Protein backbone atom coordinates (compact mmCIF):
# COMPACT_ATOMS: atom_id res chain seq x y z
CA MET A 1 -0.30 -10.05 32.06
CA PHE A 2 -1.44 -10.85 28.48
CA ILE A 3 0.38 -13.67 26.69
CA GLY A 4 -0.16 -14.24 22.94
CA GLY A 5 -3.31 -14.87 20.93
CA ALA A 6 -5.98 -12.51 19.60
CA THR A 7 -8.64 -11.05 21.83
CA SER A 8 -12.26 -12.13 21.39
CA THR A 9 -13.48 -8.56 20.70
CA MET A 10 -12.41 -8.78 17.04
CA ALA A 11 -14.56 -11.87 16.48
CA ASN A 12 -17.63 -9.99 17.71
CA PHE A 13 -17.20 -6.92 15.48
CA ASP A 14 -20.38 -6.07 13.50
CA TYR A 15 -19.25 -4.69 10.13
CA SER A 16 -22.86 -3.97 9.08
CA LYS A 17 -22.81 -0.95 11.43
CA GLU A 18 -19.83 0.60 9.65
CA LYS A 19 -20.16 3.35 7.04
CA VAL A 20 -19.80 2.01 3.47
CA GLN A 21 -17.08 3.79 1.55
CA ASP A 22 -14.61 3.26 -1.28
CA ILE A 23 -10.94 3.47 -0.38
CA PHE A 24 -8.25 3.75 -3.03
CA MET A 25 -4.74 2.63 -2.11
CA ILE A 26 -1.70 2.82 -4.32
CA ASP A 27 1.95 1.82 -4.06
CA VAL A 28 3.36 5.29 -4.70
CA LYS A 29 6.90 4.14 -5.55
CA SER A 30 5.62 1.65 -8.15
CA PHE A 31 3.26 4.27 -9.61
CA TYR A 32 6.10 6.81 -9.79
CA ALA A 33 8.37 4.25 -11.48
CA SER A 34 5.68 3.53 -14.09
CA CYS A 35 5.19 7.26 -14.74
CA GLU A 36 8.96 7.75 -15.12
CA CYS A 37 9.12 4.91 -17.64
CA VAL A 38 6.28 6.37 -19.71
CA ALA A 39 7.85 9.85 -19.55
CA ARG A 40 11.11 8.35 -20.88
CA GLY A 41 9.34 6.43 -23.65
CA LEU A 42 9.91 3.04 -21.99
CA ASP A 43 7.43 0.20 -21.48
CA PRO A 44 6.76 0.08 -17.69
CA LEU A 45 5.85 -3.63 -17.89
CA LYS A 46 9.15 -4.59 -19.50
CA THR A 47 11.56 -2.06 -17.94
CA CYS A 48 13.31 -2.32 -14.57
CA MET A 49 13.14 1.09 -12.90
CA VAL A 50 14.55 1.67 -9.42
CA ILE A 51 13.11 4.40 -7.18
CA LEU A 52 15.16 5.35 -4.14
CA SER A 53 14.06 7.24 -1.04
CA HIS A 54 15.87 9.06 1.72
CA ALA A 55 16.08 7.07 4.97
CA GLU A 56 13.65 9.43 6.74
CA ASN A 57 11.08 8.78 3.96
CA THR A 58 10.91 5.01 4.35
CA SER A 59 8.75 2.96 6.64
């Protein structure tokens, strides 16, 4: 039985053997809110915009 703590395999991981790549991540709801503000002629940095999702869309 395993109880708490991280395993030692992560400490021995050699990242130099991994492929080098760029990964782009974005908060889609924040991006969508900014786009909506611009489309409505509002400043996205000064406007509060709420974006709602259906329950099955959230995680």
